[in-house]
C-alpha atoms as a PDB file:
ATOM      1  CA  MET A   1      29.521   4.186 -42.254  1.00  0.00           C
ATOM      2  CA  THR A   2      26.281   2.611 -40.944  1.00  0.00           C
ATOM      3  CA  GLU A   3      26.444  -1.054 -40.073  1.00  0.00           C
ATOM      4  CA  VAL A   4      23.203  -3.217 -41.626  1.00  0.00           C
ATOM      5  CA  ILE A   5      21.988  -5.084 -39.397  1.00  0.00           C
ATOM      6  CA  GLU A   6      19.694  -8.155 -39.880  1.00  0.00           C
ATOM      7  CA  LEU A   7      17.432  -9.735 -38.365  1.00  0.00           C
ATOM      8  CA  PRO A   8      15.978 -13.185 -37.389  1.00  0.00           C
ATOM      9  CA  VAL A   9      12.444 -13.501 -39.696  1.00  0.00           C
ATOM     10  CA  ILE A  10       9.859 -14.396 -37.954  1.00  0.00           C
ATOM     11  CA  GLN A  11       7.330 -17.347 -39.100  1.00  0.00           C
ATOM     12  CA  GLN A  12       3.813 -17.065 -39.283  1.00  0.00           C
ATOM     13  CA  ASP A  13       3.557 -20.583 -37.824  1.00  0.00           C
ATOM     14  CA  SER A  14       5.924 -20.285 -35.026  1.00  0.00           C
ATOM     15  CA  CYS A  15       3.794 -17.285 -33.123  1.00  0.00           C
ATOM     16  CA  CYS A  16       1.836 -18.679 -30.065  1.00  0.00           C
ATOM     17  CA  ALA A  17      -1.213 -19.493 -29.447  1.00  0.00           C
ATOM     18  CA  PRO A  18      -4.158 -17.390 -28.875  1.00  0.00           C
ATOM     19  CA  VAL A  19      -4.823 -17.334 -24.825  1.00  0.00           C
ATOM     20  CA  ALA A  20      -8.911 -17.968 -25.241  1.00  0.00           C
ATOM     21  CA  SER A  21     -10.358 -20.208 -27.545  1.00  0.00           C
ATOM     22  CA  ALA A  22     -12.772 -17.605 -28.423  1.00  0.00           C
ATOM     23  CA  PRO A  23     -13.125 -14.037 -27.754  1.00  0.00           C
ATOM     24  CA  ILE A  24     -15.784 -13.035 -25.186  1.00  0.00           C
ATOM     25  CA  THR A  25     -19.129 -12.132 -26.388  1.00  0.00           C
ATOM     26  CA  LEU A  26     -20.577  -8.359 -27.074  1.00  0.00           C
ATOM     27  CA  GLU A  27     -23.007  -8.693 -23.957  1.00  0.00           C
ATOM     28  CA  GLN A  28     -19.930 -10.128 -22.087  1.00  0.00           C
ATOM     29  CA  ALA A  29     -17.618  -7.167 -22.874  1.00  0.00           C
ATOM     30  CA  ALA A  30     -20.382  -4.639 -22.492  1.00  0.00           C
ATOM     31  CA  THR A  31     -20.902  -6.150 -18.690  1.00  0.00           C
ATOM     32  CA  THR A  32     -17.048  -6.379 -17.991  1.00  0.00           C
ATOM     33  CA  ALA A  33     -16.626  -2.931 -18.683  1.00  0.00           C
ATOM     34  CA  GLY A  34     -18.722  -1.359 -16.143  1.00  0.00           C
ATOM     35  CA  LEU A  35     -17.260  -3.582 -13.633  1.00  0.00           C
ATOM     36  CA  PHE A  36     -13.869  -1.795 -15.130  1.00  0.00           C
ATOM     37  CA  LYS A  37     -15.707   1.636 -15.396  1.00  0.00           C
ATOM     38  CA  ALA A  38     -17.086   1.063 -11.622  1.00  0.00           C
ATOM     39  CA  LEU A  39     -13.023   0.708 -10.442  1.00  0.00           C
ATOM     40  CA  GLY A  40     -11.854   3.568 -12.846  1.00  0.00           C
ATOM     41  CA  ASP A  41     -11.585   5.638  -9.853  1.00  0.00           C
ATOM     42  CA  PRO A  42      -8.227   5.500  -7.823  1.00  0.00           C
ATOM     43  CA  THR A  43     -10.784   6.925  -4.454  1.00  0.00           C
ATOM     44  CA  ARG A  44     -13.272   3.522  -5.420  1.00  0.00           C
ATOM     45  CA  VAL A  45     -10.327   1.072  -5.412  1.00  0.00           C
ATOM     46  CA  LEU A  46      -8.900   2.359  -2.540  1.00  0.00           C
ATOM     47  CA  LEU A  47     -12.733   1.939  -0.977  1.00  0.00           C
ATOM     48  CA  ILE A  48     -12.326  -2.149  -2.179  1.00  0.00           C
ATOM     49  CA  SER A  49      -9.037  -2.424  -0.570  1.00  0.00           C
ATOM     50  CA  ILE A  50     -10.049  -1.196   2.452  1.00  0.00           C
ATOM     51  CA  VAL A  51     -12.989  -2.751   2.476  1.00  0.00           C
ATOM     52  CA  ALA A  52     -11.262  -6.178   1.673  1.00  0.00           C
ATOM     53  CA  ALA A  53      -8.428  -5.643   4.309  1.00  0.00           C
ATOM     54  CA  ALA A  54     -11.335  -5.110   7.313  1.00  0.00           C
ATOM     55  CA  GLU A  55     -12.005  -7.399   9.844  1.00  0.00           C
ATOM     56  CA  GLY A  56     -14.474 -10.016   8.529  1.00  0.00           C
ATOM     57  CA  GLN A  57     -14.655  -7.555   5.020  1.00  0.00           C
ATOM     58  CA  GLU A  58     -16.876  -4.925   6.280  1.00  0.00           C
ATOM     59  CA  ALA A  59     -16.725  -1.325   7.236  1.00  0.00           C
ATOM     60  CA  CYS A  60     -18.366   1.662   8.213  1.00  0.00           C
ATOM     61  CA  VAL A  61     -18.973   4.624   6.327  1.00  0.00           C
ATOM     62  CA  CYS A  62     -17.884   6.304   8.986  1.00  0.00           C
ATOM     63  CA  ASP A  63     -14.471   5.078   8.806  1.00  0.00           C
ATOM     64  CA  LEU A  64     -13.954   5.574   5.388  1.00  0.00           C
ATOM     65  CA  THR A  65     -13.661   9.241   5.138  1.00  0.00           C
ATOM     66  CA  GLU A  66     -10.599   9.715   6.930  1.00  0.00           C
ATOM     67  CA  PRO A  67      -8.436   7.167   4.888  1.00  0.00           C
ATOM     68  CA  THR A  68     -10.102   9.113   1.565  1.00  0.00           C
ATOM     69  CA  GLY A  69     -10.016  12.355   2.892  1.00  0.00           C
ATOM     70  CA  LEU A  70     -13.225  12.858   1.606  1.00  0.00           C
ATOM     71  CA  SER A  71     -16.788  14.133   2.787  1.00  0.00           C
ATOM     72  CA  GLN A  72     -18.863  11.316   3.623  1.00  0.00           C
ATOM     73  CA  PRO A  73     -21.534  12.388   1.059  1.00  0.00           C
ATOM     74  CA  THR A  74     -18.983  11.967  -1.650  1.00  0.00           C
ATOM     75  CA  VAL A  75     -17.356   8.886  -0.363  1.00  0.00           C
ATOM     76  CA  SER A  76     -21.392   7.606  -0.115  1.00  0.00           C
ATOM     77  CA  HIS A  77     -21.389   8.158  -3.955  1.00  0.00           C
ATOM     78  CA  HIS A  78     -18.531   6.582  -4.668  1.00  0.00           C
ATOM     79  CA  LEU A  79     -19.633   3.966  -2.183  1.00  0.00           C
ATOM     80  CA  LYS A  80     -23.170   3.821  -4.313  1.00  0.00           C
ATOM     81  CA  ILE A  81     -21.767   3.062  -7.572  1.00  0.00           C
ATOM     82  CA  LEU A  82     -19.555  -0.173  -6.046  1.00  0.00           C
ATOM     83  CA  THR A  83     -22.906  -1.639  -4.662  1.00  0.00           C
ATOM     84  CA  GLU A  84     -24.038  -0.872  -8.054  1.00  0.00           C
ATOM     85  CA  ALA A  85     -21.744  -2.927 -10.021  1.00  0.00           C
ATOM     86  CA  GLY A  86     -21.820  -5.831  -7.429  1.00  0.00           C
ATOM     87  CA  PHE A  87     -18.256  -5.129  -5.615  1.00  0.00           C
ATOM     88  CA  LEU A  88     -19.644  -4.294  -2.457  1.00  0.00           C
ATOM     89  CA  SER A  89     -23.115  -4.999  -0.193  1.00  0.00           C
ATOM     90  CA  ARG A  90     -24.745  -2.793   2.131  1.00  0.00           C
ATOM     91  CA  THR A  91     -26.340  -3.255   5.495  1.00  0.00           C
ATOM     92  CA  ARG A  92     -28.295  -0.411   7.612  1.00  0.00           C
ATOM     93  CA  ARG A  93     -27.201  -0.841  11.462  1.00  0.00           C
ATOM     94  CA  GLY A  94     -28.977   2.054  12.631  1.00  0.00           C
ATOM     95  CA  SER A  95     -28.007   5.201  11.583  1.00  0.00           C
ATOM     96  CA  TRP A  96     -24.889   3.996   9.954  1.00  0.00           C
ATOM     97  CA  ALA A  97     -24.390   1.915   6.542  1.00  0.00           C
ATOM     98  CA  TYR A  98     -21.728  -1.504   6.222  1.00  0.00           C
ATOM     99  CA  TYR A  99     -20.293  -2.206   3.487  1.00  0.00           C
ATOM    100  CA  ALA A 100     -18.886  -5.745   3.242  1.00  0.00           C
ATOM    101  CA  LEU A 101     -17.356  -7.133  -0.520  1.00  0.00           C
ATOM    102  CA  VAL A 102     -19.648  -9.841  -1.879  1.00  0.00           C
ATOM    103  CA  PRO A 103     -17.801 -12.710  -1.796  1.00  0.00           C
ATOM    104  CA  GLY A 104     -16.137 -13.447  -5.487  1.00  0.00           C
ATOM    105  CA  SER A 105     -16.604 -10.440  -7.158  1.00  0.00           C
ATOM    106  CA  LEU A 106     -13.092  -9.743  -7.456  1.00  0.00           C
ATOM    107  CA  ASP A 107     -12.853 -12.815  -9.508  1.00  0.00           C
ATOM    108  CA  ARG A 108     -15.553 -12.250 -11.844  1.00  0.00           C
ATOM    109  CA  LEU A 109     -13.440  -9.663 -13.534  1.00  0.00           C
ATOM    110  CA  ALA A 110     -10.450 -12.323 -13.720  1.00  0.00           C
ATOM    111  CA  THR A 111     -12.989 -14.816 -14.928  1.00  0.00           C
ATOM    112  CA  VAL A 112     -13.634 -13.075 -17.818  1.00  0.00           C
ATOM    113  CA  LEU A 113     -10.724 -12.237 -18.791  1.00  0.00           C
ATOM    114  CA  ALA A 114      -9.193 -15.798 -18.700  1.00  0.00           C
ATOM    115  CA  GLU A 115     -11.814 -17.422 -20.770  1.00  0.00           C
END
């Protein structure tokens, strides 16, 4: 014989209030999706982490190949995507490129989602 357990009925009016007062716009959704797309690769997330942890939040591309285990052209490709998305800025010094975390760039994701 199976025992029947009655679950409490949840009233619709007792549901939590929505977190946001209004959803983001279609344009904001497209922009935000582009940011997440740029971070959609584990290597790019690792690169952001390395640059953010570096002294002055800046790292030479020559220092980014070994921790990723990838070739310099592949790392440069990922850095280009992160730069185009606005997470990193690029400065040339001689034959090397240095990448720095754009101040507040990671905060944009949290801000859009929290609004």
